[in-house]
Amino acid sequence: MFKKYRLLKKLTQEQLAELLDLSTRQVQRIENGESMPSLDTLKRLIEILDISDKDILDYIKK
């Protein structure tokens, strides 16, 4: 889900990592479902990528 929104915003993983103050590898792991973002990172992802409430709720339910 995060990759879809990142691509819609025309951001690279490196750019998103910089905005989130994370490593590129951490962004890759979140996008691949290998890692859950912290609550703080999740909030910033929602804001930066303008993620819909419905998509976030669907993501959280998984």
PDB file of N, CA and C in Angstrom:
ATOM      1  N   MET A   1       0.812  -1.183   0.000  1.00  0.00           N
ATOM      2  CA  MET A   1       0.000   0.000   0.000  1.00  0.00           C
ATOM      3  C   MET A   1       0.862   1.256   0.000  1.00  0.00           C
ATOM      4  N   PHE A   2       1.905   1.282   0.834  1.00  0.00           N
ATOM      5  CA  PHE A   2       2.729   2.484   0.926  1.00  0.00           C
ATOM      6  C   PHE A   2       3.457   2.772  -0.382  1.00  0.00           C
ATOM      7  N   LYS A   3       3.880   1.723  -1.059  1.00  0.00           N
ATOM      8  CA  LYS A   3       4.575   1.918  -2.335  1.00  0.00           C
ATOM      9  C   LYS A   3       3.648   2.592  -3.340  1.00  0.00           C
ATOM     10  N   LYS A   4       2.390   2.169  -3.390  1.00  0.00           N
ATOM     11  CA  LYS A   4       1.413   2.751  -4.310  1.00  0.00           C
ATOM     12  C   LYS A   4       1.297   4.254  -4.076  1.00  0.00           C
ATOM     13  N   TYR A   5       1.140   4.625  -2.825  1.00  0.00           N
ATOM     14  CA  TYR A   5       1.001   6.045  -2.499  1.00  0.00           C
ATOM     15  C   TYR A   5       2.300   6.812  -2.758  1.00  0.00           C
ATOM     16  N   ARG A   6       3.437   6.186  -2.473  1.00  0.00           N
ATOM     17  CA  ARG A   6       4.730   6.836  -2.732  1.00  0.00           C
ATOM     18  C   ARG A   6       4.886   7.130  -4.220  1.00  0.00           C
ATOM     19  N   LEU A   7       4.529   6.151  -5.044  1.00  0.00           N
ATOM     20  CA  LEU A   7       4.644   6.337  -6.489  1.00  0.00           C
ATOM     21  C   LEU A   7       3.667   7.397  -6.999  1.00  0.00           C
ATOM     22  N   LEU A   8       2.478   7.455  -6.414  1.00  0.00           N
ATOM     23  CA  LEU A   8       1.516   8.495  -6.802  1.00  0.00           C
ATOM     24  C   LEU A   8       2.057   9.891  -6.504  1.00  0.00           C
ATOM     25  N   LYS A   9       2.858  10.001  -5.444  1.00  0.00           N
ATOM     26  CA  LYS A   9       3.465  11.285  -5.071  1.00  0.00           C
ATOM     27  C   LYS A   9       4.778  11.529  -5.817  1.00  0.00           C
ATOM     28  N   LYS A  10       5.162  10.547  -6.658  1.00  0.00           N
ATOM     29  CA  LYS A  10       6.396  10.628  -7.454  1.00  0.00           C
ATOM     30  C   LYS A  10       7.636  10.805  -6.583  1.00  0.00           C
ATOM     31  N   LEU A  11       7.665  10.035  -5.502  1.00  0.00           N
ATOM     32  CA  LEU A  11       8.804  10.041  -4.600  1.00  0.00           C
ATOM     33  C   LEU A  11       9.591   8.748  -4.763  1.00  0.00           C
ATOM     34  N   THR A  12      10.903   8.844  -4.646  1.00  0.00           N
ATOM     35  CA  THR A  12      11.730   7.643  -4.602  1.00  0.00           C
ATOM     36  C   THR A  12      11.758   7.149  -3.155  1.00  0.00           C
ATOM     37  N   GLN A  13      12.225   5.929  -2.968  1.00  0.00           N
ATOM     38  CA  GLN A  13      12.371   5.419  -1.605  1.00  0.00           C
ATOM     39  C   GLN A  13      13.371   6.275  -0.831  1.00  0.00           C
ATOM     40  N   GLU A  14      14.396   6.742  -1.512  1.00  0.00           N
ATOM     41  CA  GLU A  14      15.401   7.574  -0.871  1.00  0.00           C
ATOM     42  C   GLU A  14      14.795   8.898  -0.404  1.00  0.00           C
ATOM     43  N   GLN A  15      13.969   9.506  -1.244  1.00  0.00           N
ATOM     44  CA  GLN A  15      13.336  10.771  -0.875  1.00  0.00           C
ATOM     45  C   GLN A  15      12.391  10.588   0.313  1.00  0.00           C
ATOM     46  N   LEU A  16      11.600   9.519   0.273  1.00  0.00           N
ATOM     47  CA  LEU A  16      10.679   9.250   1.374  1.00  0.00           C
ATOM     48  C   LEU A  16      11.451   8.968   2.658  1.00  0.00           C
ATOM     49  N   ALA A  17      12.516   8.217   2.549  1.00  0.00           N
ATOM     50  CA  ALA A  17      13.341   7.921   3.723  1.00  0.00           C
ATOM     51  C   ALA A  17      13.867   9.208   4.344  1.00  0.00           C
ATOM     52  N   GLU A  18      14.294  10.123   3.520  1.00  0.00           N
ATOM     53  CA  GLU A  18      14.804  11.397   4.022  1.00  0.00           C
ATOM     54  C   GLU A  18      13.691  12.182   4.728  1.00  0.00           C
ATOM     55  N   LEU A  19      12.502  12.210   4.140  1.00  0.00           N
ATOM     56  CA  LEU A  19      11.376  12.918   4.746  1.00  0.00           C
ATOM     57  C   LEU A  19      10.972  12.304   6.083  1.00  0.00           C
ATOM     58  N   LEU A  20      11.133  10.991   6.203  1.00  0.00           N
ATOM     59  CA  LEU A  20      10.753  10.271   7.420  1.00  0.00           C
ATOM     60  C   LEU A  20      11.897  10.164   8.427  1.00  0.00           C
ATOM     61  N   ASP A  21      13.088  10.586   8.014  1.00  0.00           N
ATOM     62  CA  ASP A  21      14.284  10.437   8.834  1.00  0.00           C
ATOM     63  C   ASP A  21      14.539   8.961   9.148  1.00  0.00           C
ATOM     64  N   LEU A  22      14.422   8.129   8.111  1.00  0.00           N
ATOM     65  CA  LEU A  22      14.683   6.693   8.191  1.00  0.00           C
ATOM     66  C   LEU A  22      15.724   6.336   7.140  1.00  0.00           C
ATOM     67  N   SER A  23      16.236   5.130   7.207  1.00  0.00           N
ATOM     68  CA  SER A  23      17.120   4.646   6.147  1.00  0.00           C
ATOM     69  C   SER A  23      16.275   4.157   4.982  1.00  0.00           C
ATOM     70  N   THR A  24      16.872   4.112   3.821  1.00  0.00           N
ATOM     71  CA  THR A  24      16.182   3.593   2.641  1.00  0.00           C
ATOM     72  C   THR A  24      15.779   2.141   2.877  1.00  0.00           C
ATOM     73  N   ARG A  25      16.633   1.383   3.546  1.00  0.00           N
ATOM     74  CA  ARG A  25      16.332  -0.029   3.841  1.00  0.00           C
ATOM     75  C   ARG A  25      15.090  -0.146   4.732  1.00  0.00           C
ATOM     76  N   GLN A  26      14.930   0.760   5.686  1.00  0.00           N
ATOM     77  CA  GLN A  26      13.745   0.728   6.543  1.00  0.00           C
ATOM     78  C   GLN A  26      12.482   0.977   5.716  1.00  0.00           C
ATOM     79  N   VAL A  27      12.560   1.899   4.788  1.00  0.00           N
ATOM     80  CA  VAL A  27      11.410   2.175   3.907  1.00  0.00           C
ATOM     81  C   VAL A  27      11.108   0.940   3.060  1.00  0.00           C
ATOM     82  N   GLN A  28      12.139   0.308   2.523  1.00  0.00           N
ATOM     83  CA  GLN A  28      11.948  -0.910   1.730  1.00  0.00           C
ATOM     84  C   GLN A  28      11.250  -1.989   2.555  1.00  0.00           C
ATOM     85  N   ARG A  29      11.686  -2.170   3.792  1.00  0.00           N
ATOM     86  CA  ARG A  29      11.099  -3.204   4.652  1.00  0.00           C
ATOM     87  C   ARG A  29       9.639  -2.905   4.971  1.00  0.00           C
ATOM     88  N   ILE A  30       9.300  -1.638   5.168  1.00  0.00           N
ATOM     89  CA  ILE A  30       7.904  -1.257   5.421  1.00  0.00           C
ATOM     90  C   ILE A  30       7.073  -1.529   4.174  1.00  0.00           C
ATOM     91  N   GLU A  31       7.575  -1.130   3.011  1.00  0.00           N
ATOM     92  CA  GLU A  31       6.837  -1.338   1.763  1.00  0.00           C
ATOM     93  C   GLU A  31       6.636  -2.822   1.452  1.00  0.00           C
ATOM     94  N   ASN A  32       7.610  -3.643   1.792  1.00  0.00           N
ATOM     95  CA  ASN A  32       7.533  -5.079   1.507  1.00  0.00           C
ATOM     96  C   ASN A  32       6.789  -5.859   2.576  1.00  0.00           C
ATOM     97  N   GLY A  33       6.331  -5.169   3.620  1.00  0.00           N
ATOM     98  CA  GLY A  33       5.609  -5.843   4.695  1.00  0.00           C
ATOM     99  C   GLY A  33       6.501  -6.618   5.635  1.00  0.00           C
ATOM    100  N   GLU A  34       7.806  -6.391   5.572  1.00  0.00           N
ATOM    101  CA  GLU A  34       8.752  -7.085   6.439  1.00  0.00           C
ATOM    102  C   GLU A  34       8.838  -6.428   7.811  1.00  0.00           C
ATOM    103  N   SER A  35       8.352  -5.189   7.899  1.00  0.00           N
ATOM    104  CA  SER A  35       8.432  -4.427   9.135  1.00  0.00           C
ATOM    105  C   SER A  35       7.209  -3.527   9.255  1.00  0.00           C
ATOM    106  N   MET A  36       6.722  -3.389  10.476  1.00  0.00           N
ATOM    107  CA  MET A  36       5.612  -2.468  10.734  1.00  0.00           C
ATOM    108  C   MET A  36       6.199  -1.119  11.127  1.00  0.00           C
ATOM    109  N   PRO A  37       5.660  -0.034  10.578  1.00  0.00           N
ATOM    110  CA  PRO A  37       6.159   1.276  11.001  1.00  0.00           C
ATOM    111  C   PRO A  37       5.709   1.574  12.422  1.00  0.00           C
ATOM    112  N   SER A  38       6.517   2.346  13.129  1.00  0.00           N
ATOM    113  CA  SER A  38       6.106   2.793  14.462  1.00  0.00           C
ATOM    114  C   SER A  38       4.890   3.706  14.295  1.00  0.00           C
ATOM    115  N   LEU A  39       4.205   3.959  15.378  1.00  0.00           N
ATOM    116  CA  LEU A  39       3.028   4.822  15.328  1.00  0.00           C
ATOM    117  C   LEU A  39       3.412   6.208  14.820  1.00  0.00           C
ATOM    118  N   ASP A  40       4.532   6.723  15.272  1.00  0.00           N
ATOM    119  CA  ASP A  40       4.999   8.034  14.833  1.00  0.00           C
ATOM    120  C   ASP A  40       5.288   8.038  13.329  1.00  0.00           C
ATOM    121  N   THR A  41       5.968   7.001  12.857  1.00  0.00           N
ATOM    122  CA  THR A  41       6.272   6.893  11.427  1.00  0.00           C
ATOM    123  C   THR A  41       4.994   6.728  10.622  1.00  0.00           C
ATOM    124  N   LEU A  42       4.048   5.958  11.125  1.00  0.00           N
ATOM    125  CA  LEU A  42       2.772   5.772  10.447  1.00  0.00           C
ATOM    126  C   LEU A  42       2.047   7.103  10.291  1.00  0.00           C
ATOM    127  N   LYS A  43       2.046   7.897  11.344  1.00  0.00           N
ATOM    128  CA  LYS A  43       1.408   9.217  11.273  1.00  0.00           C
ATOM    129  C   LYS A  43       2.062  10.084  10.207  1.00  0.00           C
ATOM    130  N   ARG A  44       3.392  10.049  10.161  1.00  0.00           N
ATOM    131  CA  ARG A  44       4.108  10.854   9.158  1.00  0.00           C
ATOM    132  C   ARG A  44       3.867  10.329   7.745  1.00  0.00           C
ATOM    133  N   LEU A  45       3.795   9.009   7.589  1.00  0.00           N
ATOM    134  CA  LEU A  45       3.489   8.431   6.277  1.00  0.00           C
ATOM    135  C   LEU A  45       2.120   8.893   5.782  1.00  0.00           C
ATOM    136  N   ILE A  46       1.133   8.874   6.667  1.00  0.00           N
ATOM    137  CA  ILE A  46      -0.219   9.305   6.315  1.00  0.00           C
ATOM    138  C   ILE A  46      -0.208  10.743   5.839  1.00  0.00           C
ATOM    139  N   GLU A  47       0.519  11.575   6.565  1.00  0.00           N
ATOM    140  CA  GLU A  47       0.575  12.998   6.231  1.00  0.00           C
ATOM    141  C   GLU A  47       1.338  13.249   4.928  1.00  0.00           C
ATOM    142  N   ILE A  48       2.518  12.674   4.809  1.00  0.00           N
ATOM    143  CA  ILE A  48       3.369  12.910   3.639  1.00  0.00           C
ATOM    144  C   ILE A  48       2.740  12.358   2.366  1.00  0.00           C
ATOM    145  N   LEU A  49       2.172  11.145   2.464  1.00  0.00           N
ATOM    146  CA  LEU A  49       1.651  10.480   1.271  1.00  0.00           C
ATOM    147  C   LEU A  49       0.167  10.740   1.046  1.00  0.00           C
ATOM    148  N   ASP A  50      -0.471  11.445   1.978  1.00  0.00           N
ATOM    149  CA  ASP A  50      -1.893  11.776   1.869  1.00  0.00           C
ATOM    150  C   ASP A  50      -2.730  10.504   1.674  1.00  0.00           C
ATOM    151  N   ILE A  51      -2.537   9.565   2.596  1.00  0.00           N
ATOM    152  CA  ILE A  51      -3.193   8.259   2.525  1.00  0.00           C
ATOM    153  C   ILE A  51      -4.624   8.380   3.038  1.00  0.00           C
ATOM    154  N   SER A  52      -5.545   7.725   2.363  1.00  0.00           N
ATOM    155  CA  SER A  52      -6.955   7.797   2.742  1.00  0.00           C
ATOM    156  C   SER A  52      -7.218   7.053   4.047  1.00  0.00           C
ATOM    157  N   ASP A  53      -8.230   7.512   4.771  1.00  0.00           N
ATOM    158  CA  ASP A  53      -8.622   6.866   6.030  1.00  0.00           C
ATOM    159  C   ASP A  53      -8.973   5.401   5.808  1.00  0.00           C
ATOM    160  N   LYS A  54      -9.689   5.118   4.733  1.00  0.00           N
ATOM    161  CA  LYS A  54     -10.108   3.744   4.450  1.00  0.00           C
ATOM    162  C   LYS A  54      -8.899   2.830   4.258  1.00  0.00           C
ATOM    163  N   ASP A  55      -7.920   3.284   3.487  1.00  0.00           N
ATOM    164  CA  ASP A  55      -6.736   2.461   3.249  1.00  0.00           C
ATOM    165  C   ASP A  55      -5.957   2.224   4.538  1.00  0.00           C
ATOM    166  N   ILE A  56      -5.862   3.235   5.389  1.00  0.00           N
ATOM    167  CA  ILE A  56      -5.162   3.061   6.658  1.00  0.00           C
ATOM    168  C   ILE A  56      -5.889   2.064   7.543  1.00  0.00           C
ATOM    169  N   LEU A  57      -7.199   2.161   7.618  1.00  0.00           N
ATOM    170  CA  LEU A  57      -7.967   1.208   8.422  1.00  0.00           C
ATOM    171  C   LEU A  57      -7.820  -0.213   7.891  1.00  0.00           C
ATOM    172  N   ASP A  58      -7.833  -0.368   6.566  1.00  0.00           N
ATOM    173  CA  ASP A  58      -7.630  -1.689   5.975  1.00  0.00           C
ATOM    174  C   ASP A  58      -6.242  -2.219   6.320  1.00  0.00           C
ATOM    175  N   TYR A  59      -5.239  -1.341   6.284  1.00  0.00           N
ATOM    176  CA  TYR A  59      -3.862  -1.737   6.584  1.00  0.00           C
ATOM    177  C   TYR A  59      -3.754  -2.178   8.038  1.00  0.00           C
ATOM    178  N   ILE A  60      -4.355  -1.423   8.948  1.00  0.00           N
ATOM    179  CA  ILE A  60      -4.277  -1.718  10.373  1.00  0.00           C
ATOM    180  C   ILE A  60      -4.984  -3.030  10.710  1.00  0.00           C
ATOM    181  N   LYS A  61      -6.062  -3.340   9.996  1.00  0.00           N
ATOM    182  CA  LYS A  61      -6.820  -4.567  10.263  1.00  0.00           C
ATOM    183  C   LYS A  61      -6.051  -5.827   9.912  1.00  0.00           C
ATOM    184  N   LYS A  62      -5.034  -5.716   9.055  1.00  0.00           N
ATOM    185  CA  LYS A  62      -4.285  -6.901   8.607  1.00  0.00           C
ATOM    186  C   LYS A  62      -3.562  -7.532   9.731  1.00  0.00           C
TER     187      LYS A  62
END
